[in-house]
Amino acid sequence: MIGLISLLKEIQGNPKAIFMAGPAGSGKSYISKQLVPSNFNTINVDDTYEELLKSSGIGMKLANMSPDELKKSGELMGQARRATDSKYQDATKDLKNLLIDSVGGSSKVLLAKKQELEKLGYDTFMLMTYVSPLTSLERNKTRDRSLLPSVVIRSWRDVNKNIDTYKQSFGNNFTLLNLDPKDANKDFDENFIYKTYVEPLGKIGKEKSPEEKAKSKAEAEQIYSDIKNLIQKLPESDTVEQAKLKITNFINK
């Protein structure tokens, strides 16, 4: 079996895996359709999760869910993860080209997956997308499966603090696209965000204890501080044409 796999690699070249990373509403799905060949096998837990949410009847607006529906949605996410992992295992067994679409908030998890694929003989690449926090929040509101603002803000912080780590790990096989609209508001005012995105939703989930409220407040303040530091220095990015050339060269090498 090992000999056959080695022979296939020599004939066809190494299989390719392109990782997607970026916060909610940053245009990952939109740009991947432009830059990644359609014959790549997409691995995205959200695709399966959304289908399960639709078929369950509880809908996809997390902010509108009751505590029982939120619990059910968590169970469905677990089911979606198992199904997606099975799809991933089948695809890698056959050395198929992959598009792994995720937020990328945990560099430890993503880079472990990168290492795993490279041991199987894959060449790896990262296509990362960036938008400002307010763009992420505003686009999230219009999505079929909108997330809670607190989730959007946390994931924005988590993925964007990894930019330098991913850039160093992928080296030349890395591209970052800034997909912010030209008129995007690049500021970050927590009071404005609370009044605009959080307060209108009212209470979500069960009532928190004083200790839980204090912990949540401290976590939020840390996230806000991290985001303010991150937006002070806009990351260097490629044009769409530059990204397309990088990906084309990666696939053809």
Protein backbone atom coordinates (compact mmCIF):
# COMPACT_ATOMS: atom_id res chain seq x y z
CA MET A 1 0.00 0.00 0.00
CA ILE A 2 2.82 2.40 0.85
CA GLY A 3 4.45 1.67 -2.51
CA LEU A 4 1.21 2.41 -4.36
CA ILE A 5 0.72 5.71 -2.52
CA SER A 6 4.31 6.74 -3.31
CA LEU A 7 3.79 5.88 -6.98
CA LEU A 8 0.58 7.93 -7.14
CA LYS A 9 2.39 10.91 -5.61
CA GLU A 10 5.14 10.70 -8.23
CA ILE A 11 2.59 10.59 -11.06
CA GLN A 12 0.17 13.22 -9.77
CA GLY A 13 2.32 15.33 -7.46
CA ASN A 14 1.63 15.77 -3.75
CA PRO A 15 -2.02 16.27 -2.72
CA LYS A 16 -2.86 19.83 -1.68
CA ALA A 17 -4.61 21.18 1.42
CA ILE A 18 -5.64 24.83 1.61
CA PHE A 19 -6.60 26.13 5.06
CA MET A 20 -9.07 29.00 5.32
CA ALA A 21 -9.03 31.29 8.34
CA GLY A 22 -10.86 34.49 9.19
CA PRO A 23 -13.54 35.92 11.49
CA ALA A 24 -17.30 35.81 10.89
CA GLY A 25 -18.38 37.82 7.86
CA SER A 26 -14.87 38.17 6.47
CA GLY A 27 -15.75 36.69 3.07
CA LYS A 28 -14.12 33.25 3.32
CA SER A 29 -16.80 31.47 1.31
CA TYR A 30 -17.01 34.27 -1.26
CA ILE A 31 -13.28 34.49 -1.93
CA SER A 32 -12.64 30.74 -1.86
CA LYS A 33 -15.08 30.30 -4.76
CA GLN A 34 -12.96 32.75 -6.75
CA LEU A 35 -9.52 31.43 -5.87
CA VAL A 36 -9.80 27.71 -5.05
CA PRO A 37 -10.60 25.12 -7.76
CA SER A 38 -14.06 23.60 -7.42
CA ASN A 39 -12.65 20.07 -7.41
CA PHE A 40 -11.15 20.60 -3.94
CA ASN A 41 -13.09 18.74 -1.24
CA THR A 42 -14.47 21.27 1.26
CA ILE A 43 -14.19 20.33 4.93
CA ASN A 44 -16.40 22.74 6.88
CA VAL A 45 -18.32 21.77 10.00
CA ASP A 46 -20.66 24.75 9.52
CA ASP A 47 -22.12 23.25 6.32
CA THR A 48 -23.28 20.11 8.15
CA TYR A 49 -24.28 22.04 11.28
CA GLU A 50 -26.55 24.39 9.35
CA GLU A 51 -28.29 21.49 7.62
CA LEU A 52 -28.91 19.86 11.00
CA LEU A 53 -30.27 23.10 12.45
CA LYS A 54 -32.66 23.52 9.53
CA SER A 55 -33.95 19.96 9.71
CA SER A 56 -34.38 20.17 13.51
CA GLY A 57 -36.85 23.03 13.20
CA ILE A 58 -35.15 25.26 15.77
CA GLY A 59 -33.78 27.62 13.13
CA MET A 60 -30.36 29.21 12.88
CA LYS A 61 -30.64 32.44 14.87
CA LEU A 62 -28.84 31.63 18.12
CA ALA A 63 -29.94 34.91 19.68
CA ASN A 64 -33.59 33.86 19.33
CA MET A 65 -33.21 30.41 20.86
CA SER A 66 -34.58 29.36 24.23
CA PRO A 67 -32.26 27.68 26.75
CA ASP A 68 -33.55 24.25 25.64
CA GLU A 69 -32.97 25.12 21.98
CA LEU A 70 -29.46 26.34 22.75
CA LYS A 71 -28.77 23.02 24.46
CA LYS A 72 -30.10 21.16 21.43
CA SER A 73 -28.01 23.30 19.08
CA GLY A 74 -24.92 22.31 21.07
CA GLU A 75 -25.78 18.65 20.67
CA LEU A 76 -26.23 19.14 16.94
CA MET A 77 -22.82 20.81 16.71
CA GLY A 78 -21.29 17.71 18.28
CA GLN A 79 -23.05 15.59 15.68
CA ALA A 80 -21.83 17.88 12.90
CA ARG A 81 -18.22 17.65 14.14
CA ARG A 82 -18.35 13.84 14.07
CA ALA A 83 -19.78 13.80 10.55
CA THR A 84 -17.20 16.32 9.33
CA ASP A 85 -14.34 14.35 10.87
CA SER A 86 -15.58 11.23 9.09
CA LYS A 87 -15.64 13.13 5.79
CA TYR A 88 -12.09 14.38 6.47
CA GLN A 89 -10.82 10.87 7.23
CA ASP A 90 -12.32 9.47 4.03
CA ALA A 91 -10.84 12.29 1.92
CA THR A 92 -7.32 11.99 3.36
CA LYS A 93 -7.39 8.21 3.00
CA ASP A 94 -7.77 8.76 -0.76
CA LEU A 95 -5.28 11.68 -0.76
CA LYS A 96 -7.89 14.07 -2.16
CA ASN A 97 -7.19 17.79 -2.43
CA LEU A 98 -8.78 19.63 0.51
CA LEU A 99 -10.18 23.05 1.35
CA ILE A 100 -10.37 23.19 5.13
CA ASP A 101 -12.67 26.09 6.02
CA SER A 102 -12.59 27.24 9.65
CA VAL A 103 -12.29 30.38 11.76
CA GLY A 104 -8.74 29.53 12.83
CA GLY A 105 -9.13 30.82 16.38
CA SER A 106 -6.94 28.06 17.82
CA SER A 107 -3.51 28.06 16.19
CA LYS A 108 -2.60 24.96 18.20
CA VAL A 109 -5.43 22.92 16.67
CA LEU A 110 -4.96 24.23 13.13
CA LEU A 111 -1.18 23.76 13.08
CA ALA A 112 -1.56 20.23 14.48
CA LYS A 113 -3.86 19.48 11.53
CA LYS A 114 -1.29 21.03 9.18
CA GLN A 115 1.44 18.78 10.58
CA GLU A 116 -0.83 15.72 10.35
CA LEU A 117 -1.54 16.37 6.67
CA GLU A 118 2.09 17.01 5.83
CA LYS A 119 3.02 13.65 7.37
CA LEU A 120 0.52 12.09 4.96
CA GLY A 121 2.33 13.77 2.07
CA TYR A 122 0.20 16.88 1.62
CA ASP A 123 1.48 20.30 0.63
CA THR A 124 -0.28 22.96 2.74
CA PHE A 125 -1.30 26.58 2.18
CA MET A 126 -3.25 29.19 4.12
CA LEU A 127 -5.73 31.68 2.67
CA MET A 128 -6.67 34.14 5.40
CA THR A 129 -9.30 36.89 5.28
CA TYR A 130 -9.53 40.06 7.34
CA VAL A 131 -12.25 42.60 8.09
CA SER A 132 -12.59 45.11 10.94
CA PRO A 133 -14.57 44.09 14.05
CA LEU A 134 -17.58 46.25 13.19
CA THR A 135 -17.74 44.82 9.66
CA SER A 136 -17.73 41.34 11.17
CA LEU A 137 -20.55 42.22 13.57
CA GLU A 138 -22.64 43.97 10.91
CA ARG A 139 -22.34 41.16 8.37
CA ASN A 140 -23.12 38.61 11.06
CA LYS A 141 -26.51 40.28 11.63
CA THR A 142 -27.54 39.59 8.03
CA ARG A 143 -26.47 35.93 7.92
CA ASP A 144 -28.99 33.09 8.00
CA ARG A 145 -27.09 31.59 10.94
CA SER A 146 -26.20 34.66 12.93
CA LEU A 147 -24.02 34.19 15.99
CA LEU A 148 -24.25 35.99 19.31
CA PRO A 149 -22.27 39.26 19.21
CA SER A 150 -20.10 38.03 22.08
CA VAL A 151 -19.11 35.00 20.01
CA VAL A 152 -18.32 37.16 16.98
CA ILE A 153 -16.15 39.53 19.01
CA ARG A 154 -14.26 36.73 20.75
CA SER A 155 -13.60 34.84 17.52
CA TRP A 156 -12.43 38.06 15.83
CA ARG A 157 -9.85 38.52 18.58
CA ASP A 158 -8.80 34.88 18.63
CA VAL A 159 -8.15 34.49 14.90
CA ASN A 160 -6.51 37.86 14.30
CA LYS A 161 -4.02 37.45 17.13
CA ASN A 162 -2.76 34.40 15.18
CA ILE A 163 -1.86 36.24 11.97
CA ASP A 164 1.87 36.39 12.66
CA THR A 165 1.90 32.77 13.88
CA TYR A 166 0.23 31.52 10.71
CA LYS A 167 2.39 33.71 8.49
CA GLN A 168 5.53 32.28 10.08
CA SER A 169 4.28 28.67 9.99
CA PHE A 170 3.14 28.67 6.34
CA GLY A 171 5.94 30.91 5.04
CA ASN A 172 5.59 31.56 1.30
CA ASN A 173 2.43 29.45 1.25
CA PHE A 174 0.43 32.15 3.01
CA THR A 175 -1.77 34.96 1.79
CA LEU A 176 -3.91 37.47 3.69
CA LEU A 177 -6.69 39.43 2.02
CA ASN A 178 -8.25 42.55 3.54
CA LEU A 179 -11.89 42.37 2.44
CA ASP A 180 -13.13 45.39 4.39
CA PRO A 181 -15.40 47.73 2.39
CA LYS A 182 -13.75 51.02 1.50
CA ASP A 183 -16.10 52.88 3.84
CA ALA A 184 -15.68 50.41 6.72
CA ASN A 185 -15.69 51.76 10.26
CA LYS A 186 -12.37 50.58 11.67
CA ASP A 187 -12.88 51.95 15.19
CA PHE A 188 -13.82 49.90 18.22
CA ASP A 189 -16.01 51.47 20.88
CA GLU A 190 -17.32 48.90 23.36
CA ASN A 191 -20.16 51.17 24.48
CA PHE A 192 -21.36 51.59 20.90
CA ILE A 193 -21.07 47.85 20.32
CA TYR A 194 -23.04 47.04 23.46
CA LYS A 195 -25.83 49.50 22.62
CA THR A 196 -26.00 48.46 18.95
CA TYR A 197 -25.47 44.71 18.97
CA VAL A 198 -25.81 43.31 22.49
CA GLU A 199 -28.48 45.30 24.35
CA PRO A 200 -31.21 44.88 21.67
CA LEU A 201 -31.07 41.09 22.13
CA GLY A 202 -32.03 41.26 25.80
CA LYS A 203 -31.20 38.38 28.13
CA ILE A 204 -29.82 35.26 26.46
CA GLY A 205 -29.81 31.89 28.21
CA LYS A 206 -30.15 31.28 31.92
CA GLU A 207 -29.59 33.94 34.57
CA LYS A 208 -25.94 34.17 35.66
CA SER A 209 -24.77 34.23 39.26
CA PRO A 210 -22.88 37.31 40.53
CA GLU A 211 -19.64 35.34 40.25
CA GLU A 212 -20.40 34.35 36.65
CA LYS A 213 -21.31 37.94 35.78
CA ALA A 214 -18.04 39.21 37.26
CA LYS A 215 -16.06 36.59 35.32
CA SER A 216 -17.87 37.44 32.07
CA LYS A 217 -17.21 41.15 32.58
CA ALA A 218 -13.49 40.56 33.18
CA GLU A 219 -13.24 38.35 30.09
CA ALA A 220 -15.05 40.94 27.97
CA GLU A 221 -12.75 43.73 29.16
CA GLN A 222 -9.70 41.62 28.26
CA ILE A 223 -11.11 40.87 24.79
CA TYR A 224 -11.89 44.55 24.21
CA SER A 225 -8.36 45.49 25.24
CA ASP A 226 -6.85 42.87 22.95
CA ILE A 227 -8.94 44.04 19.99
CA LYS A 228 -7.98 47.68 20.50
CA ASN A 229 -4.32 46.66 20.44
CA LEU A 230 -4.82 44.55 17.31
CA ILE A 231 -6.56 47.24 15.26
CA GLN A 232 -3.82 49.78 15.96
CA LYS A 233 -1.65 48.00 13.40
CA LEU A 234 -3.44 46.94 10.23
CA PRO A 235 -1.88 43.69 8.96
CA GLU A 236 -0.12 43.69 5.59
CA SER A 237 -2.27 42.09 2.92
CA ASP A 238 -2.13 40.93 -0.69
CA THR A 239 -4.38 41.95 -3.55
CA VAL A 240 -6.78 39.37 -4.93
CA GLU A 241 -4.56 38.99 -8.00
CA GLN A 242 -1.47 38.40 -5.85
CA ALA A 243 -3.36 35.80 -3.81
CA LYS A 244 -4.60 34.10 -6.98
CA LEU A 245 -1.04 33.86 -8.32
CA LYS A 246 0.25 32.41 -5.03
CA ILE A 247 -2.49 29.77 -4.96
CA THR A 248 -2.02 28.89 -8.62
CA ASN A 249 1.72 28.43 -8.13
CA PHE A 250 1.09 26.35 -5.01
CA ILE A 251 -1.35 24.03 -6.79
CA ASN A 252 0.82 23.60 -9.87
CA LYS A 253 4.16 22.98 -8.16
